[in-house]
Structures are given as C-alpha cells and as structure tokens.
Amino acid sequence: MTAALLTAALEYSRRGMSIIPIGRDKKPLVKWASYQTRRAGEPQLRTWFARGDVTGEAVILGPVSGNLYCRDFDDHATYSAWCDERQL
C-alpha cells in the first residue's frame, strides 16, 4: 500500500498540490503548518511515505495547492440538502 500511496502523492505533487501523509486515525503524521505555504519536494515525500505507519495522504487546500477547495459531506442526506438549497 505504501508504494501506491507514494505514487499517488508524487502525482498529486506534480499537479501542484501540497501533500502530507496521514495515519489510521486520519491525523497528520508530520507537522504540517509550513506546508500551507510551501509544497514538500520529492525527496521529502519519499521519506515520509517510506514510513510504516502511513495509511493515507491529505491534500492541503487553498493557495498552496493552486486554490484547490472542496466540500466534505458526511452523509448523502446532507449533500442532497445542500444541492436542493442551490437548485443543483
């Protein structure tokens, strides 16, 4: 799984996104505040994703990732209500 995560992290980084590793509890495995303004380079990503406790990756949203933003809905009903309010 770690090799696949590294491959994805490198691809996201090549596309201009700031990526950090996360663990089982979806919490960052690194101090990530500085990655809100700069992206980790390939050597850093390779070091991080070689760790045995990495179970996923997170994208730091906002300007550092090309102004990427997302909406996160915890269930379909909430998403449907959001769509209905916007007549989507």
PDB file of N, CA and C in Angstrom:
ATOM      1  N   MET A   1       0.814  -1.193   0.000  1.00  0.00           N
ATOM      2  CA  MET A   1       0.000   0.000   0.000  1.00  0.00           C
ATOM      3  C   MET A   1       0.859   1.260   0.000  1.00  0.00           C
ATOM      4  N   THR A   2       1.973   1.248   0.690  1.00  0.00           N
ATOM      5  CA  THR A   2       2.813   2.441   0.776  1.00  0.00           C
ATOM      6  C   THR A   2       3.328   2.861  -0.597  1.00  0.00           C
ATOM      7  N   ALA A   3       3.699   1.897  -1.441  1.00  0.00           N
ATOM      8  CA  ALA A   3       4.187   2.245  -2.787  1.00  0.00           C
ATOM      9  C   ALA A   3       3.093   2.945  -3.586  1.00  0.00           C
ATOM     10  N   ALA A   4       1.869   2.460  -3.484  1.00  0.00           N
ATOM     11  CA  ALA A   4       0.754   3.084  -4.202  1.00  0.00           C
ATOM     12  C   ALA A   4       0.496   4.491  -3.663  1.00  0.00           C
ATOM     13  N   LEU A   5       0.596   4.652  -2.350  1.00  0.00           N
ATOM     14  CA  LEU A   5       0.403   5.980  -1.761  1.00  0.00           C
ATOM     15  C   LEU A   5       1.493   6.937  -2.218  1.00  0.00           C
ATOM     16  N   LEU A   6       2.728   6.462  -2.266  1.00  0.00           N
ATOM     17  CA  LEU A   6       3.830   7.307  -2.735  1.00  0.00           C
ATOM     18  C   LEU A   6       3.598   7.705  -4.184  1.00  0.00           C
ATOM     19  N   THR A   7       3.225   6.766  -5.016  1.00  0.00           N
ATOM     20  CA  THR A   7       2.968   7.068  -6.425  1.00  0.00           C
ATOM     21  C   THR A   7       1.890   8.140  -6.557  1.00  0.00           C
ATOM     22  N   ALA A   8       0.818   8.000  -5.793  1.00  0.00           N
ATOM     23  CA  ALA A   8      -0.260   8.991  -5.842  1.00  0.00           C
ATOM     24  C   ALA A   8       0.213  10.335  -5.314  1.00  0.00           C
ATOM     25  N   ALA A   9       0.960  10.328  -4.216  1.00  0.00           N
ATOM     26  CA  ALA A   9       1.452  11.588  -3.634  1.00  0.00           C
ATOM     27  C   ALA A   9       2.356  12.320  -4.625  1.00  0.00           C
ATOM     28  N   LEU A  10       3.230  11.599  -5.293  1.00  0.00           N
ATOM     29  CA  LEU A  10       4.121  12.225  -6.277  1.00  0.00           C
ATOM     30  C   LEU A  10       3.326  12.800  -7.445  1.00  0.00           C
ATOM     31  N   GLU A  11       2.300  12.091  -7.877  1.00  0.00           N
ATOM     32  CA  GLU A  11       1.477  12.582  -8.986  1.00  0.00           C
ATOM     33  C   GLU A  11       0.698  13.828  -8.571  1.00  0.00           C
ATOM     34  N   TYR A  12       0.109  13.799  -7.384  1.00  0.00           N
ATOM     35  CA  TYR A  12      -0.601  14.990  -6.902  1.00  0.00           C
ATOM     36  C   TYR A  12       0.365  16.170  -6.788  1.00  0.00           C
ATOM     37  N   SER A  13       1.559  15.912  -6.302  1.00  0.00           N
ATOM     38  CA  SER A  13       2.558  16.974  -6.173  1.00  0.00           C
ATOM     39  C   SER A  13       2.923  17.542  -7.547  1.00  0.00           C
ATOM     40  N   ARG A  14       3.093  16.671  -8.524  1.00  0.00           N
ATOM     41  CA  ARG A  14       3.402  17.124  -9.889  1.00  0.00           C
ATOM     42  C   ARG A  14       2.278  17.988 -10.457  1.00  0.00           C
ATOM     43  N   ARG A  15       1.076  17.760  -9.976  1.00  0.00           N
ATOM     44  CA  ARG A  15      -0.078  18.552 -10.421  1.00  0.00           C
ATOM     45  C   ARG A  15      -0.252  19.828  -9.610  1.00  0.00           C
ATOM     46  N   GLY A  16       0.718  20.097  -8.712  1.00  0.00           N
ATOM     47  CA  GLY A  16       0.714  21.357  -7.984  1.00  0.00           C
ATOM     48  C   GLY A  16       0.038  21.344  -6.633  1.00  0.00           C
ATOM     49  N   MET A  17      -0.183  20.161  -6.065  1.00  0.00           N
ATOM     50  CA  MET A  17      -0.853  20.075  -4.770  1.00  0.00           C
ATOM     51  C   MET A  17       0.150  19.822  -3.645  1.00  0.00           C
ATOM     52  N   SER A  18      -0.143  20.364  -2.474  1.00  0.00           N
ATOM     53  CA  SER A  18       0.664  20.144  -1.279  1.00  0.00           C
ATOM     54  C   SER A  18       0.127  18.896  -0.568  1.00  0.00           C
ATOM     55  N   ILE A  19       0.966  17.888  -0.403  1.00  0.00           N
ATOM     56  CA  ILE A  19       0.565  16.577   0.114  1.00  0.00           C
ATOM     57  C   ILE A  19       1.307  16.269   1.411  1.00  0.00           C
ATOM     58  N   ILE A  20       0.590  15.671   2.369  1.00  0.00           N
ATOM     59  CA  ILE A  20       1.222  15.179   3.597  1.00  0.00           C
ATOM     60  C   ILE A  20       0.699  13.778   3.888  1.00  0.00           C
ATOM     61  N   PRO A  21       1.464  12.974   4.630  1.00  0.00           N
ATOM     62  CA  PRO A  21       1.000  11.636   4.999  1.00  0.00           C
ATOM     63  C   PRO A  21       0.096  11.683   6.226  1.00  0.00           C
ATOM     64  N   ILE A  22      -0.869  10.762   6.248  1.00  0.00           N
ATOM     65  CA  ILE A  22      -1.730  10.635   7.417  1.00  0.00           C
ATOM     66  C   ILE A  22      -1.727   9.186   7.899  1.00  0.00           C
ATOM     67  N   GLY A  23      -2.125   8.998   9.154  1.00  0.00           N
ATOM     68  CA  GLY A  23      -2.179   7.669   9.748  1.00  0.00           C
ATOM     69  C   GLY A  23      -3.593   7.129   9.800  1.00  0.00           C
ATOM     70  N   ARG A  24      -3.748   5.998  10.500  1.00  0.00           N
ATOM     71  CA  ARG A  24      -5.042   5.326  10.601  1.00  0.00           C
ATOM     72  C   ARG A  24      -6.165   6.216  11.099  1.00  0.00           C
ATOM     73  N   ASP A  25      -5.846   7.105  11.998  1.00  0.00           N
ATOM     74  CA  ASP A  25      -6.865   7.974  12.587  1.00  0.00           C
ATOM     75  C   ASP A  25      -7.117   9.227  11.755  1.00  0.00           C
ATOM     76  N   LYS A  26      -6.569   9.264  10.549  1.00  0.00           N
ATOM     77  CA  LYS A  26      -6.694  10.386   9.611  1.00  0.00           C
ATOM     78  C   LYS A  26      -6.014  11.649  10.142  1.00  0.00           C
ATOM     79  N   LYS A  27      -5.099  11.479  11.070  1.00  0.00           N
ATOM     80  CA  LYS A  27      -4.357  12.626  11.592  1.00  0.00           C
ATOM     81  C   LYS A  27      -3.007  12.704  10.896  1.00  0.00           C
ATOM     82  N   PRO A  28      -2.508  13.926  10.688  1.00  0.00           N
ATOM     83  CA  PRO A  28      -1.204  14.093  10.035  1.00  0.00           C
ATOM     84  C   PRO A  28      -0.094  13.396  10.808  1.00  0.00           C
ATOM     85  N   LEU A  29       0.824  12.804  10.072  1.00  0.00           N
ATOM     86  CA  LEU A  29       1.989  12.152  10.684  1.00  0.00           C
ATOM     87  C   LEU A  29       3.195  13.080  10.726  1.00  0.00           C
ATOM     88  N   VAL A  30       3.025  14.296  10.241  1.00  0.00           N
ATOM     89  CA  VAL A  30       4.102  15.285  10.233  1.00  0.00           C
ATOM     90  C   VAL A  30       3.536  16.623  10.686  1.00  0.00           C
ATOM     91  N   LYS A  31       4.421  17.490  11.143  1.00  0.00           N
ATOM     92  CA  LYS A  31       3.994  18.862  11.431  1.00  0.00           C
ATOM     93  C   LYS A  31       3.753  19.520  10.078  1.00  0.00           C
ATOM     94  N   TRP A  32       2.529  19.978   9.873  1.00  0.00           N
ATOM     95  CA  TRP A  32       2.147  20.356   8.522  1.00  0.00           C
ATOM     96  C   TRP A  32       1.904  21.840   8.307  1.00  0.00           C
ATOM     97  N   ALA A  33       2.015  22.652   9.332  1.00  0.00           N
ATOM     98  CA  ALA A  33       1.703  24.078   9.178  1.00  0.00           C
ATOM     99  C   ALA A  33       2.509  24.735   8.062  1.00  0.00           C
ATOM    100  N   SER A  34       3.790  24.401   7.953  1.00  0.00           N
ATOM    101  CA  SER A  34       4.616  25.042   6.922  1.00  0.00           C
ATOM    102  C   SER A  34       4.203  24.631   5.510  1.00  0.00           C
ATOM    103  N   TYR A  35       3.504  23.493   5.386  1.00  0.00           N
ATOM    104  CA  TYR A  35       3.085  23.027   4.065  1.00  0.00           C
ATOM    105  C   TYR A  35       1.788  23.684   3.609  1.00  0.00           C
ATOM    106  N   GLN A  36       1.318  24.669   4.400  1.00  0.00           N
ATOM    107  CA  GLN A  36       0.203  25.502   3.970  1.00  0.00           C
ATOM    108  C   GLN A  36       0.701  26.610   3.039  1.00  0.00           C
ATOM    109  N   THR A  37       2.012  26.833   3.048  1.00  0.00           N
ATOM    110  CA  THR A  37       2.581  27.893   2.202  1.00  0.00           C
ATOM    111  C   THR A  37       3.665  27.387   1.254  1.00  0.00           C
ATOM    112  N   ARG A  38       4.081  26.153   1.424  1.00  0.00           N
ATOM    113  CA  ARG A  38       5.068  25.568   0.503  1.00  0.00           C
ATOM    114  C   ARG A  38       4.795  24.081   0.359  1.00  0.00           C
ATOM    115  N   ARG A  39       5.148  23.530  -0.785  1.00  0.00           N
ATOM    116  CA  ARG A  39       4.930  22.105  -1.024  1.00  0.00           C
ATOM    117  C   ARG A  39       6.198  21.323  -0.700  1.00  0.00           C
ATOM    118  N   ALA A  40       6.020  20.131  -0.187  1.00  0.00           N
ATOM    119  CA  ALA A  40       7.157  19.239   0.053  1.00  0.00           C
ATOM    120  C   ALA A  40       7.717  18.797  -1.292  1.00  0.00           C
ATOM    121  N   GLY A  41       9.031  18.668  -1.359  1.00  0.00           N
ATOM    122  CA  GLY A  41       9.670  18.183  -2.578  1.00  0.00           C
ATOM    123  C   GLY A  41       9.630  16.668  -2.653  1.00  0.00           C
ATOM    124  N   GLU A  42      10.031  16.138  -3.788  1.00  0.00           N
ATOM    125  CA  GLU A  42      10.011  14.688  -3.985  1.00  0.00           C
ATOM    126  C   GLU A  42      10.834  13.944  -2.943  1.00  0.00           C
ATOM    127  N   PRO A  43      12.064  14.399  -2.596  1.00  0.00           N
ATOM    128  CA  PRO A  43      12.816  13.663  -1.571  1.00  0.00           C
ATOM    129  C   PRO A  43      12.066  13.581  -0.232  1.00  0.00           C
ATOM    130  N   GLN A  44      11.417  14.671   0.154  1.00  0.00           N
ATOM    131  CA  GLN A  44      10.662  14.673   1.413  1.00  0.00           C
ATOM    132  C   GLN A  44       9.480  13.724   1.335  1.00  0.00           C
ATOM    133  N   LEU A  45       8.766  13.749   0.223  1.00  0.00           N
ATOM    134  CA  LEU A  45       7.629  12.841   0.055  1.00  0.00           C
ATOM    135  C   LEU A  45       8.087  11.386   0.112  1.00  0.00           C
ATOM    136  N   ARG A  46       9.205  11.076  -0.527  1.00  0.00           N
ATOM    137  CA  ARG A  46       9.720   9.707  -0.496  1.00  0.00           C
ATOM    138  C   ARG A  46      10.071   9.277   0.932  1.00  0.00           C
ATOM    139  N   THR A  47      10.646  10.174   1.702  1.00  0.00           N
ATOM    140  CA  THR A  47      10.977   9.863   3.102  1.00  0.00           C
ATOM    141  C   THR A  47       9.710   9.626   3.908  1.00  0.00           C
ATOM    142  N   TRP A  48       8.761  10.535   3.777  1.00  0.00           N
ATOM    143  CA  TRP A  48       7.515  10.386   4.528  1.00  0.00           C
ATOM    144  C   TRP A  48       6.790   9.097   4.194  1.00  0.00           C
ATOM    145  N   PHE A  49       6.636   8.807   2.917  1.00  0.00           N
ATOM    146  CA  PHE A  49       5.827   7.668   2.511  1.00  0.00           C
ATOM    147  C   PHE A  49       6.565   6.337   2.620  1.00  0.00           C
ATOM    148  N   ALA A  50       7.807   6.368   3.074  1.00  0.00           N
ATOM    149  CA  ALA A  50       8.540   5.138   3.379  1.00  0.00           C
ATOM    150  C   ALA A  50       8.230   4.665   4.801  1.00  0.00           C
ATOM    151  N   ARG A  51       7.607   5.515   5.603  1.00  0.00           N
ATOM    152  CA  ARG A  51       7.256   5.163   6.972  1.00  0.00           C
ATOM    153  C   ARG A  51       6.234   4.030   6.969  1.00  0.00           C
ATOM    154  N   GLY A  52       6.323   3.173   7.944  1.00  0.00           N
ATOM    155  CA  GLY A  52       5.404   2.042   8.032  1.00  0.00           C
ATOM    156  C   GLY A  52       4.019   2.388   8.549  1.00  0.00           C
ATOM    157  N   ASP A  53       3.860   3.574   9.137  1.00  0.00           N
ATOM    158  CA  ASP A  53       2.571   3.922   9.731  1.00  0.00           C
ATOM    159  C   ASP A  53       1.695   4.792   8.828  1.00  0.00           C
ATOM    160  N   VAL A  54       2.110   5.009   7.598  1.00  0.00           N
ATOM    161  CA  VAL A  54       1.324   5.820   6.661  1.00  0.00           C
ATOM    162  C   VAL A  54       0.182   4.969   6.104  1.00  0.00           C
ATOM    163  N   THR A  55      -1.038   5.463   6.258  1.00  0.00           N
ATOM    164  CA  THR A  55      -2.198   4.743   5.732  1.00  0.00           C
ATOM    165  C   THR A  55      -2.981   5.564   4.717  1.00  0.00           C
ATOM    166  N   GLY A  56      -2.560   6.815   4.508  1.00  0.00           N
ATOM    167  CA  GLY A  56      -3.252   7.666   3.555  1.00  0.00           C
ATOM    168  C   GLY A  56      -2.497   8.948   3.328  1.00  0.00           C
ATOM    169  N   GLU A  57      -3.098   9.808   2.579  1.00  0.00           N
ATOM    170  CA  GLU A  57      -2.480  11.100   2.296  1.00  0.00           C
ATOM    171  C   GLU A  57      -3.554  12.171   2.351  1.00  0.00           C
ATOM    172  N   ALA A  58      -3.117  13.372   2.619  1.00  0.00           N
ATOM    173  CA  ALA A  58      -4.029  14.507   2.669  1.00  0.00           C
ATOM    174  C   ALA A  58      -3.498  15.600   1.765  1.00  0.00           C
ATOM    175  N   VAL A  59      -4.418  16.309   1.158  1.00  0.00           N
ATOM    176  CA  VAL A  59      -4.073  17.461   0.334  1.00  0.00           C
ATOM    177  C   VAL A  59      -4.328  18.706   1.173  1.00  0.00           C
ATOM    178  N   ILE A  60      -3.331  19.575   1.255  1.00  0.00           N
ATOM    179  CA  ILE A  60      -3.507  20.860   1.919  1.00  0.00           C
ATOM    180  C   ILE A  60      -4.207  21.765   0.907  1.00  0.00           C
ATOM    181  N   LEU A  61      -5.381  22.216   1.252  1.00  0.00           N
ATOM    182  CA  LEU A  61      -6.175  23.012   0.317  1.00  0.00           C
ATOM    183  C   LEU A  61      -5.772  24.483   0.350  1.00  0.00           C
ATOM    184  N   GLY A  62      -6.268  25.238  -0.593  1.00  0.00           N
ATOM    185  CA  GLY A  62      -6.033  26.673  -0.633  1.00  0.00           C
ATOM    186  C   GLY A  62      -4.949  27.068  -1.611  1.00  0.00           C
ATOM    187  N   PRO A  63      -4.376  28.252  -1.422  1.00  0.00           N
ATOM    188  CA  PRO A  63      -3.404  28.796  -2.371  1.00  0.00           C
ATOM    189  C   PRO A  63      -2.206  27.884  -2.649  1.00  0.00           C
ATOM    190  N   VAL A  64      -1.717  27.176  -1.640  1.00  0.00           N
ATOM    191  CA  VAL A  64      -0.537  26.334  -1.838  1.00  0.00           C
ATOM    192  C   VAL A  64      -0.795  25.202  -2.827  1.00  0.00           C
ATOM    193  N   SER A  65      -2.056  24.856  -3.014  1.00  0.00           N
ATOM    194  CA  SER A  65      -2.431  23.799  -3.955  1.00  0.00           C
ATOM    195  C   SER A  65      -3.225  24.361  -5.133  1.00  0.00           C
ATOM    196  N   GLY A  66      -2.824  25.539  -5.572  1.00  0.00           N
ATOM    197  CA  GLY A  66      -3.466  26.140  -6.744  1.00  0.00           C
ATOM    198  C   GLY A  66      -4.893  26.584  -6.478  1.00  0.00           C
ATOM    199  N   ASN A  67      -5.165  27.013  -5.245  1.00  0.00           N
ATOM    200  CA  ASN A  67      -6.504  27.452  -4.839  1.00  0.00           C
ATOM    201  C   ASN A  67      -7.533  26.327  -4.906  1.00  0.00           C
ATOM    202  N   LEU A  68      -7.092  25.121  -4.622  1.00  0.00           N
ATOM    203  CA  LEU A  68      -7.982  23.966  -4.589  1.00  0.00           C
ATOM    204  C   LEU A  68      -8.812  24.007  -3.309  1.00  0.00           C
ATOM    205  N   TYR A  69     -10.111  23.820  -3.471  1.00  0.00           N
ATOM    206  CA  TYR A  69     -11.027  23.769  -2.336  1.00  0.00           C
ATOM    207  C   TYR A  69     -11.950  22.585  -2.536  1.00  0.00           C
ATOM    208  N   CYS A  70     -12.566  22.116  -1.460  1.00  0.00           N
ATOM    209  CA  CYS A  70     -13.531  21.029  -1.591  1.00  0.00           C
ATOM    210  C   CYS A  70     -14.635  21.191  -0.557  1.00  0.00           C
ATOM    211  N   ARG A  71     -15.719  20.521  -0.809  1.00  0.00           N
ATOM    212  CA  ARG A  71     -16.807  20.428   0.156  1.00  0.00           C
ATOM    213  C   ARG A  71     -16.827  18.988   0.643  1.00  0.00           C
ATOM    214  N   ASP A  72     -16.992  18.813   1.938  1.00  0.00           N
ATOM    215  CA  ASP A  72     -16.965  17.479   2.538  1.00  0.00           C
ATOM    216  C   ASP A  72     -18.305  17.232   3.222  1.00  0.00           C
ATOM    217  N   PHE A  73     -19.011  16.221   2.764  1.00  0.00           N
ATOM    218  CA  PHE A  73     -20.298  15.868   3.337  1.00  0.00           C
ATOM    219  C   PHE A  73     -20.165  14.507   4.013  1.00  0.00           C
ATOM    220  N   ASP A  74     -20.676  14.406   5.220  1.00  0.00           N
ATOM    221  CA  ASP A  74     -20.564  13.157   5.969  1.00  0.00           C
ATOM    222  C   ASP A  74     -21.624  12.132   5.609  1.00  0.00           C
ATOM    223  N   ASP A  75     -22.683  12.568   4.969  1.00  0.00           N
ATOM    224  CA  ASP A  75     -23.704  11.616   4.547  1.00  0.00           C
ATOM    225  C   ASP A  75     -24.452  12.170   3.332  1.00  0.00           C
ATOM    226  N   HIS A  76     -25.151  11.288   2.661  1.00  0.00           N
ATOM    227  CA  HIS A  76     -25.834  11.659   1.423  1.00  0.00           C
ATOM    228  C   HIS A  76     -26.963  12.655   1.682  1.00  0.00           C
ATOM    229  N   ALA A  77     -27.659  12.537   2.809  1.00  0.00           N
ATOM    230  CA  ALA A  77     -28.770  13.445   3.110  1.00  0.00           C
ATOM    231  C   ALA A  77     -28.289  14.893   3.205  1.00  0.00           C
ATOM    232  N   THR A  78     -27.145  15.095   3.829  1.00  0.00           N
ATOM    233  CA  THR A  78     -26.585  16.439   3.950  1.00  0.00           C
ATOM    234  C   THR A  78     -26.207  16.984   2.580  1.00  0.00           C
ATOM    235  N   TYR A  79     -25.605  16.135   1.769  1.00  0.00           N
ATOM    236  CA  TYR A  79     -25.249  16.543   0.407  1.00  0.00           C
ATOM    237  C   TYR A  79     -26.509  16.897  -0.393  1.00  0.00           C
ATOM    238  N   SER A  80     -27.540  16.054  -0.286  1.00  0.00           N
ATOM    239  CA  SER A  80     -28.786  16.307  -1.018  1.00  0.00           C
ATOM    240  C   SER A  80     -29.420  17.629  -0.598  1.00  0.00           C
ATOM    241  N   ALA A  81     -29.404  17.901   0.697  1.00  0.00           N
ATOM    242  CA  ALA A  81     -29.965  19.166   1.194  1.00  0.00           C
ATOM    243  C   ALA A  81     -29.176  20.345   0.648  1.00  0.00           C
ATOM    244  N   TRP A  82     -27.862  20.221   0.617  1.00  0.00           N
ATOM    245  CA  TRP A  82     -27.013  21.285   0.073  1.00  0.00           C
ATOM    246  C   TRP A  82     -27.361  21.526  -1.400  1.00  0.00           C
ATOM    247  N   CYS A  83     -27.509  20.460  -2.165  1.00  0.00           N
ATOM    248  CA  CYS A  83     -27.870  20.569  -3.586  1.00  0.00           C
ATOM    249  C   CYS A  83     -29.248  21.206  -3.753  1.00  0.00           C
ATOM    250  N   ASP A  84     -30.196  20.767  -2.932  1.00  0.00           N
ATOM    251  CA  ASP A  84     -31.552  21.312  -3.030  1.00  0.00           C
ATOM    252  C   ASP A  84     -31.565  22.824  -2.768  1.00  0.00           C
ATOM    253  N   GLU A  85     -30.806  23.269  -1.777  1.00  0.00           N
ATOM    254  CA  GLU A  85     -30.742  24.690  -1.447  1.00  0.00           C
ATOM    255  C   GLU A  85     -30.205  25.512  -2.622  1.00  0.00           C
ATOM    256  N   ARG A  86     -29.373  24.904  -3.427  1.00  0.00           N
ATOM    257  CA  ARG A  86     -28.744  25.584  -4.554  1.00  0.00           C
ATOM    258  C   ARG A  86     -29.405  25.245  -5.882  1.00  0.00           C
ATOM    259  N   GLN A  87     -30.447  24.465  -5.809  1.00  0.00           N
ATOM    260  CA  GLN A  87     -31.186  24.004  -7.002  1.00  0.00           C
ATOM    261  C   GLN A  87     -30.268  23.329  -8.010  1.00  0.00           C
ATOM    262  N   LEU A  88     -29.411  22.464  -7.482  1.00  0.00           N
ATOM    263  CA  LEU A  88     -28.489  21.712  -8.345  1.00  0.00           C
ATOM    264  C   LEU A  88     -29.050  20.363  -8.717  1.00  0.00           C
TER     265      LEU A  88
END
